[in-house]
Amino acid sequence: MGKKGGGGGGGGGSKGGGGKGGGGKGKGKSDSGAAASEPKEKKGGTAVKVRHILCEKQSKSMEALAELQNGVKFNEVATKYSEDKARSGGDLGWMTRGSMVGPFQDAAFALTKSTVANPNYVQVKTKFGYHIIMVEDKK
């Protein structure tokens, strides 16, 4: 209740495009050009400390979302439901721009920081399955 629930059943690529100018892939910066080799650098930082829950099937992802909405801590839900190597609470550590698949990266940099006890999360679909993502820190 009151937390972001994830509107992610099928929506792949334009997730989180609302306040970010449609995904942030363009070179529309108007600074001095000093960082011309890294045009995406200033939109939401350059790295995020991220946790996720990865489920191959949407139904399992929805079960995980329901547990989060009922107040279960993110790391506990990740340990129970995630189907990848990040089962230890879903912690992926610090991830930089360019090291994540598009929809996951867009969602991660659009999210605000939160804690495992009170997570702000979103669900996205990638070629790997259904991710529920939360961001613990940004830099």
N, C-alpha and C. Protein backbone atom coordinates (compact mmCIF):
# COMPACT_ATOMS: atom_id res chain seq x y z
N MET A 1 0.84 -1.19 0.00
CA MET A 1 0.00 0.00 0.00
C MET A 1 0.87 1.24 0.00
N GLY A 2 0.69 2.15 -0.82
CA GLY A 2 1.45 3.39 -0.80
C GLY A 2 2.82 3.28 -1.43
N LYS A 3 3.28 2.06 -1.66
CA LYS A 3 4.57 1.89 -2.32
C LYS A 3 4.32 1.75 -3.80
N LYS A 4 5.37 1.93 -4.58
CA LYS A 4 5.19 1.76 -6.02
C LYS A 4 4.90 0.31 -6.29
N GLY A 5 3.87 -0.02 -6.95
CA GLY A 5 3.48 -1.37 -7.26
C GLY A 5 3.99 -1.89 -8.54
N GLY A 6 4.34 -1.51 -9.45
CA GLY A 6 4.94 -2.05 -10.61
C GLY A 6 3.92 -2.14 -11.69
N GLY A 7 3.98 -1.38 -12.66
CA GLY A 7 3.03 -1.48 -13.73
C GLY A 7 3.74 -2.16 -14.86
N GLY A 8 4.19 -3.36 -14.67
CA GLY A 8 5.09 -3.82 -15.66
C GLY A 8 4.71 -5.05 -16.39
N GLY A 9 3.50 -5.45 -16.49
CA GLY A 9 3.16 -6.68 -17.16
C GLY A 9 3.86 -6.88 -18.46
N GLY A 10 3.81 -5.98 -19.38
CA GLY A 10 4.42 -6.25 -20.66
C GLY A 10 5.30 -5.16 -21.15
N GLY A 11 5.30 -4.01 -20.53
CA GLY A 11 5.85 -2.80 -21.10
C GLY A 11 7.30 -2.74 -21.35
N GLY A 12 8.10 -3.39 -21.83
CA GLY A 12 9.50 -3.29 -22.11
C GLY A 12 10.20 -1.95 -22.11
N GLY A 13 10.37 -1.31 -23.25
CA GLY A 13 11.35 -0.26 -23.40
C GLY A 13 11.07 1.13 -22.88
N SER A 14 9.86 1.59 -22.77
CA SER A 14 9.67 2.99 -22.40
C SER A 14 9.30 3.14 -20.94
N LYS A 15 9.72 2.23 -20.11
CA LYS A 15 9.45 2.29 -18.68
C LYS A 15 10.16 3.47 -18.06
N GLY A 16 9.47 4.23 -17.27
CA GLY A 16 10.10 5.33 -16.56
C GLY A 16 10.42 6.51 -17.45
N GLY A 17 9.82 6.63 -18.60
CA GLY A 17 10.14 7.71 -19.51
C GLY A 17 9.49 9.02 -19.14
N GLY A 18 8.59 9.04 -18.17
CA GLY A 18 7.83 10.22 -17.82
C GLY A 18 8.64 11.48 -17.61
N GLY A 19 9.45 11.54 -16.56
CA GLY A 19 10.17 12.76 -16.28
C GLY A 19 11.59 12.76 -16.83
N LYS A 20 11.94 11.78 -17.59
CA LYS A 20 13.32 11.65 -18.04
C LYS A 20 13.48 11.96 -19.52
N GLY A 21 12.45 12.41 -20.18
CA GLY A 21 12.58 12.77 -21.58
C GLY A 21 12.55 11.57 -22.50
N GLY A 22 11.73 10.56 -22.19
CA GLY A 22 11.55 9.45 -23.11
C GLY A 22 12.67 8.43 -23.10
N GLY A 23 13.33 8.21 -22.01
CA GLY A 23 14.30 7.14 -21.94
C GLY A 23 15.74 7.61 -21.85
N GLY A 24 16.03 8.82 -22.16
CA GLY A 24 17.36 9.37 -21.95
C GLY A 24 18.43 8.85 -22.89
N LYS A 25 18.10 8.43 -24.09
CA LYS A 25 19.11 7.89 -24.99
C LYS A 25 19.72 8.94 -25.91
N GLY A 26 19.18 10.14 -25.96
CA GLY A 26 19.66 11.14 -26.91
C GLY A 26 20.88 11.90 -26.41
N LYS A 27 21.40 12.79 -27.25
CA LYS A 27 22.56 13.60 -26.89
C LYS A 27 22.16 15.04 -26.65
N GLY A 28 20.98 15.26 -26.07
CA GLY A 28 20.44 16.60 -25.93
C GLY A 28 21.01 17.41 -24.79
N LYS A 29 22.24 17.16 -24.38
CA LYS A 29 22.83 17.96 -23.31
C LYS A 29 23.24 19.33 -23.83
N SER A 30 23.15 20.30 -22.96
CA SER A 30 23.53 21.65 -23.41
C SER A 30 24.71 22.18 -22.60
N ASP A 31 25.54 21.27 -22.09
CA ASP A 31 26.69 21.76 -21.34
C ASP A 31 27.85 22.06 -22.30
N SER A 32 29.01 22.33 -21.78
CA SER A 32 30.13 22.79 -22.58
C SER A 32 30.70 21.73 -23.51
N GLY A 33 30.24 20.48 -23.39
CA GLY A 33 30.73 19.43 -24.26
C GLY A 33 31.93 18.71 -23.69
N ALA A 34 32.31 18.99 -22.47
CA ALA A 34 33.48 18.36 -21.87
C ALA A 34 33.30 16.86 -21.75
N ALA A 35 32.07 16.40 -21.56
CA ALA A 35 31.82 14.98 -21.41
C ALA A 35 31.16 14.42 -22.66
N ALA A 36 31.55 14.87 -23.82
CA ALA A 36 30.91 14.46 -25.06
C ALA A 36 31.02 12.95 -25.30
N SER A 37 32.04 12.31 -24.77
CA SER A 37 32.18 10.87 -24.95
C SER A 37 31.22 10.09 -24.06
N GLU A 38 30.61 10.74 -23.06
CA GLU A 38 29.65 10.09 -22.18
C GLU A 38 28.37 10.92 -22.10
N PRO A 39 27.57 10.91 -23.16
CA PRO A 39 26.40 11.79 -23.20
C PRO A 39 25.32 11.48 -22.18
N LYS A 40 25.31 10.29 -21.57
CA LYS A 40 24.25 9.94 -20.64
C LYS A 40 24.63 10.20 -19.19
N GLU A 41 25.82 10.71 -18.93
CA GLU A 41 26.39 10.75 -17.60
C GLU A 41 25.54 11.48 -16.56
N LYS A 42 24.94 12.60 -16.87
CA LYS A 42 24.32 13.45 -15.86
C LYS A 42 22.88 13.09 -15.52
N LYS A 43 22.26 12.18 -16.22
CA LYS A 43 20.86 11.87 -15.96
C LYS A 43 20.73 10.82 -14.85
N GLY A 44 20.62 11.26 -13.61
CA GLY A 44 20.42 10.36 -12.49
C GLY A 44 21.70 9.75 -11.94
N GLY A 45 22.85 10.30 -12.25
CA GLY A 45 24.10 9.78 -11.74
C GLY A 45 24.74 8.80 -12.71
N THR A 46 25.83 8.19 -12.27
CA THR A 46 26.54 7.26 -13.14
C THR A 46 26.52 5.83 -12.61
N ALA A 47 26.11 5.66 -11.35
CA ALA A 47 26.05 4.31 -10.77
C ALA A 47 24.94 4.23 -9.74
N VAL A 48 24.37 3.03 -9.61
CA VAL A 48 23.33 2.79 -8.61
C VAL A 48 23.67 1.52 -7.85
N LYS A 49 23.36 1.53 -6.56
CA LYS A 49 23.48 0.31 -5.76
C LYS A 49 22.10 -0.31 -5.78
N VAL A 50 21.99 -1.43 -6.47
CA VAL A 50 20.68 -1.96 -6.80
C VAL A 50 20.46 -3.38 -6.28
N ARG A 51 19.23 -3.65 -5.93
CA ARG A 51 18.78 -5.01 -5.59
C ARG A 51 17.67 -5.36 -6.55
N HIS A 52 17.53 -6.65 -6.83
CA HIS A 52 16.41 -7.05 -7.68
C HIS A 52 15.94 -8.44 -7.32
N ILE A 53 14.75 -8.74 -7.81
CA ILE A 53 14.17 -10.07 -7.73
C ILE A 53 13.90 -10.45 -9.17
N LEU A 54 14.45 -11.55 -9.63
CA LEU A 54 14.27 -11.98 -11.02
C LEU A 54 13.44 -13.26 -11.05
N CYS A 55 12.35 -13.22 -11.78
CA CYS A 55 11.49 -14.39 -11.96
C CYS A 55 11.27 -14.62 -13.45
N GLU A 56 11.38 -15.87 -13.86
CA GLU A 56 11.16 -16.18 -15.27
C GLU A 56 9.70 -16.01 -15.64
N LYS A 57 8.81 -16.40 -14.75
CA LYS A 57 7.37 -16.34 -15.03
C LYS A 57 6.72 -15.15 -14.34
N GLN A 58 5.80 -14.50 -15.04
CA GLN A 58 5.13 -13.34 -14.49
C GLN A 58 4.33 -13.70 -13.24
N SER A 59 3.75 -14.89 -13.20
CA SER A 59 2.93 -15.28 -12.05
C SER A 59 3.77 -15.31 -10.77
N LYS A 60 5.00 -15.81 -10.86
CA LYS A 60 5.87 -15.85 -9.68
C LYS A 60 6.28 -14.44 -9.28
N SER A 61 6.52 -13.59 -10.27
CA SER A 61 6.85 -12.19 -10.01
C SER A 61 5.70 -11.48 -9.29
N MET A 62 4.48 -11.79 -9.70
CA MET A 62 3.31 -11.19 -9.06
C MET A 62 3.17 -11.64 -7.60
N GLU A 63 3.53 -12.89 -7.33
CA GLU A 63 3.52 -13.38 -5.94
C GLU A 63 4.52 -12.60 -5.10
N ALA A 64 5.70 -12.36 -5.67
CA ALA A 64 6.73 -11.59 -4.96
C ALA A 64 6.25 -10.16 -4.72
N LEU A 65 5.62 -9.56 -5.73
CA LEU A 65 5.07 -8.21 -5.56
C LEU A 65 4.05 -8.16 -4.44
N ALA A 66 3.20 -9.18 -4.36
CA ALA A 66 2.17 -9.23 -3.31
C ALA A 66 2.82 -9.26 -1.93
N GLU A 67 3.90 -10.02 -1.79
CA GLU A 67 4.59 -10.07 -0.49
C GLU A 67 5.18 -8.71 -0.13
N LEU A 68 5.77 -8.03 -1.11
CA LEU A 68 6.31 -6.69 -0.86
C LEU A 68 5.19 -5.74 -0.44
N GLN A 69 4.06 -5.82 -1.12
CA GLN A 69 2.94 -4.94 -0.80
C GLN A 69 2.36 -5.24 0.58
N ASN A 70 2.59 -6.45 1.08
CA ASN A 70 2.14 -6.82 2.42
C ASN A 70 3.17 -6.49 3.50
N GLY A 71 4.27 -5.81 3.10
CA GLY A 71 5.23 -5.33 4.08
C GLY A 71 6.43 -6.22 4.35
N VAL A 72 6.60 -7.31 3.61
CA VAL A 72 7.76 -8.16 3.81
C VAL A 72 8.99 -7.43 3.25
N LYS A 73 10.12 -7.53 3.94
CA LYS A 73 11.34 -6.84 3.52
C LYS A 73 11.81 -7.34 2.15
N PHE A 74 12.34 -6.41 1.36
CA PHE A 74 12.76 -6.72 -0.01
C PHE A 74 13.76 -7.86 -0.04
N ASN A 75 14.78 -7.83 0.85
CA ASN A 75 15.81 -8.87 0.83
C ASN A 75 15.24 -10.25 1.15
N GLU A 76 14.22 -10.31 2.01
CA GLU A 76 13.60 -11.58 2.34
C GLU A 76 12.80 -12.13 1.15
N VAL A 77 12.09 -11.25 0.46
CA VAL A 77 11.33 -11.66 -0.72
C VAL A 77 12.29 -12.12 -1.83
N ALA A 78 13.41 -11.41 -1.98
CA ALA A 78 14.40 -11.78 -3.00
C ALA A 78 14.99 -13.16 -2.71
N THR A 79 15.30 -13.43 -1.46
CA THR A 79 15.86 -14.73 -1.10
C THR A 79 14.88 -15.85 -1.41
N LYS A 80 13.61 -15.59 -1.21
CA LYS A 80 12.59 -16.61 -1.43
C LYS A 80 12.23 -16.79 -2.91
N TYR A 81 12.17 -15.70 -3.68
CA TYR A 81 11.62 -15.77 -5.03
C TYR A 81 12.63 -15.63 -6.18
N SER A 82 13.75 -14.97 -5.97
CA SER A 82 14.64 -14.68 -7.09
C SER A 82 15.27 -15.95 -7.65
N GLU A 83 15.37 -16.01 -8.98
CA GLU A 83 15.86 -17.20 -9.66
C GLU A 83 17.25 -16.99 -10.27
N ASP A 84 18.03 -16.10 -9.71
CA ASP A 84 19.36 -15.87 -10.25
C ASP A 84 20.40 -15.88 -9.13
N LYS A 85 21.62 -15.51 -9.47
CA LYS A 85 22.73 -15.54 -8.51
C LYS A 85 22.58 -14.52 -7.38
N ALA A 86 21.67 -13.58 -7.52
CA ALA A 86 21.50 -12.54 -6.50
C ALA A 86 20.51 -12.98 -5.41
N ARG A 87 20.42 -14.27 -5.18
CA ARG A 87 19.48 -14.77 -4.17
C ARG A 87 19.80 -14.28 -2.78
N SER A 88 21.02 -13.87 -2.53
CA SER A 88 21.38 -13.40 -1.19
C SER A 88 20.81 -12.01 -0.96
N GLY A 89 19.51 -11.93 -0.91
CA GLY A 89 18.83 -10.66 -0.68
C GLY A 89 18.68 -9.81 -1.92
N GLY A 90 19.02 -10.36 -3.07
CA GLY A 90 18.84 -9.63 -4.32
C GLY A 90 19.90 -8.59 -4.60
N ASP A 91 20.96 -8.53 -3.78
CA ASP A 91 21.96 -7.47 -3.90
C ASP A 91 22.85 -7.68 -5.12
N LEU A 92 22.80 -6.74 -6.06
CA LEU A 92 23.67 -6.76 -7.23
C LEU A 92 24.88 -5.85 -7.04
N GLY A 93 24.90 -5.08 -5.96
CA GLY A 93 26.00 -4.15 -5.71
C GLY A 93 25.89 -2.92 -6.59
N TRP A 94 27.03 -2.26 -6.79
CA TRP A 94 27.07 -1.04 -7.60
C TRP A 94 27.10 -1.41 -9.07
N MET A 95 26.16 -0.85 -9.83
CA MET A 95 26.08 -1.09 -11.28
C MET A 95 26.21 0.26 -11.98
N THR A 96 27.01 0.30 -13.04
CA THR A 96 27.21 1.54 -13.78
C THR A 96 26.37 1.55 -15.04
N ARG A 97 26.17 2.77 -15.57
CA ARG A 97 25.46 2.89 -16.84
C ARG A 97 26.19 2.09 -17.91
N GLY A 98 25.42 1.40 -18.72
CA GLY A 98 26.00 0.60 -19.78
C GLY A 98 26.25 -0.85 -19.38
N SER A 99 26.15 -1.17 -18.09
CA SER A 99 26.40 -2.53 -17.64
C SER A 99 25.11 -3.33 -17.43
N MET A 100 23.96 -2.70 -17.69
CA MET A 100 22.66 -3.34 -17.49
C MET A 100 21.88 -3.31 -18.80
N VAL A 101 20.92 -4.22 -18.95
CA VAL A 101 20.07 -4.20 -20.13
C VAL A 101 19.16 -2.97 -20.07
N GLY A 102 18.77 -2.46 -21.22
CA GLY A 102 18.06 -1.20 -21.36
C GLY A 102 16.91 -0.94 -20.40
N PRO A 103 15.83 -1.75 -20.41
CA PRO A 103 14.70 -1.47 -19.52
C PRO A 103 15.08 -1.50 -18.05
N PHE A 104 15.98 -2.40 -17.67
CA PHE A 104 16.44 -2.49 -16.28
C PHE A 104 17.19 -1.23 -15.90
N GLN A 105 18.11 -0.81 -16.76
CA GLN A 105 18.90 0.40 -16.51
C GLN A 105 18.02 1.63 -16.42
N ASP A 106 17.09 1.79 -17.35
CA ASP A 106 16.20 2.95 -17.34
C ASP A 106 15.42 3.02 -16.04
N ALA A 107 14.89 1.88 -15.61
CA ALA A 107 14.11 1.84 -14.37
C ALA A 107 14.99 2.11 -13.15
N ALA A 108 16.18 1.52 -13.12
CA ALA A 108 17.06 1.69 -11.96
C ALA A 108 17.46 3.15 -11.77
N PHE A 109 17.79 3.84 -12.85
CA PHE A 109 18.22 5.24 -12.71
C PHE A 109 17.03 6.18 -12.49
N ALA A 110 15.83 5.73 -12.79
CA ALA A 110 14.64 6.56 -12.57
C ALA A 110 14.13 6.45 -11.13
N LEU A 111 14.45 5.35 -10.45
CA LEU A 111 13.97 5.13 -9.09
C LEU A 111 14.67 6.04 -8.09
N THR A 112 13.95 6.35 -7.01
CA THR A 112 14.56 7.08 -5.90
C THR A 112 15.15 6.08 -4.92
N LYS A 113 16.09 6.54 -4.11
CA LYS A 113 16.73 5.68 -3.12
C LYS A 113 15.71 5.24 -2.07
N SER A 114 15.88 4.01 -1.58
CA SER A 114 15.01 3.50 -0.53
C SER A 114 15.75 2.41 0.26
N THR A 115 15.06 1.83 1.24
CA THR A 115 15.67 0.80 2.09
C THR A 115 14.93 -0.52 1.91
N VAL A 116 15.57 -1.63 2.31
CA VAL A 116 14.93 -2.93 2.18
C VAL A 116 13.68 -3.03 3.04
N ALA A 117 13.65 -2.31 4.16
CA ALA A 117 12.49 -2.34 5.04
C ALA A 117 11.32 -1.52 4.49
N ASN A 118 11.62 -0.49 3.70
CA ASN A 118 10.59 0.35 3.12
C ASN A 118 10.96 0.65 1.66
N PRO A 119 10.90 -0.37 0.80
CA PRO A 119 11.42 -0.21 -0.56
C PRO A 119 10.51 0.57 -1.49
N ASN A 120 11.13 1.31 -2.38
CA ASN A 120 10.45 1.94 -3.50
C ASN A 120 10.88 1.10 -4.71
N TYR A 121 9.96 0.38 -5.32
CA TYR A 121 10.34 -0.59 -6.34
C TYR A 121 9.47 -0.46 -7.58
N VAL A 122 9.94 -1.11 -8.63
CA VAL A 122 9.21 -1.13 -9.89
C VAL A 122 9.47 -2.48 -10.55
N GLN A 123 8.51 -2.94 -11.34
CA GLN A 123 8.67 -4.19 -12.07
C GLN A 123 8.93 -3.88 -13.54
N VAL A 124 9.92 -4.54 -14.12
CA VAL A 124 10.19 -4.39 -15.55
C VAL A 124 10.43 -5.77 -16.15
N LYS A 125 10.16 -5.89 -17.45
CA LYS A 125 10.41 -7.13 -18.17
C LYS A 125 11.61 -6.93 -19.09
N THR A 126 12.54 -7.88 -19.04
CA THR A 126 13.69 -7.87 -19.95
C THR A 126 13.77 -9.25 -20.60
N LYS A 127 14.80 -9.45 -21.41
CA LYS A 127 14.98 -10.76 -22.05
C LYS A 127 15.27 -11.85 -21.02
N PHE A 128 15.63 -11.48 -19.78
CA PHE A 128 15.93 -12.44 -18.74
C PHE A 128 14.70 -12.86 -17.94
N GLY A 129 13.64 -12.06 -18.00
CA GLY A 129 12.43 -12.36 -17.25
C GLY A 129 11.86 -11.09 -16.62
N TYR A 130 11.16 -11.27 -15.51
CA TYR A 130 10.50 -10.16 -14.80
C TYR A 130 11.36 -9.77 -13.60
N HIS A 131 11.78 -8.52 -13.58
CA HIS A 131 12.60 -8.01 -12.49
C HIS A 131 11.75 -7.09 -11.61
N ILE A 132 11.93 -7.19 -10.31
CA ILE A 132 11.43 -6.18 -9.38
C ILE A 132 12.69 -5.52 -8.85
N ILE A 133 12.80 -4.22 -9.07
CA ILE A 133 14.04 -3.49 -8.80
C ILE A 133 13.84 -2.47 -7.69
N MET A 134 14.84 -2.33 -6.83
CA MET A 134 14.90 -1.23 -5.87
C MET A 134 16.32 -0.70 -5.85
N VAL A 135 16.47 0.58 -5.54
CA VAL A 135 17.78 1.24 -5.51
C VAL A 135 18.08 1.69 -4.09
N GLU A 136 19.24 1.29 -3.56
CA GLU A 136 19.62 1.65 -2.20
C GLU A 136 20.45 2.94 -2.17
N ASP A 137 21.18 3.23 -3.24
CA ASP A 137 22.03 4.41 -3.25
C ASP A 137 22.37 4.79 -4.68
N LYS A 138 22.81 6.02 -4.87
CA LYS A 138 23.22 6.51 -6.20
C LYS A 138 24.49 7.31 -6.05
N LYS A 139 25.30 7.33 -7.12
CA LYS A 139 26.46 8.21 -7.15
C LYS A 139 26.77 8.61 -8.58
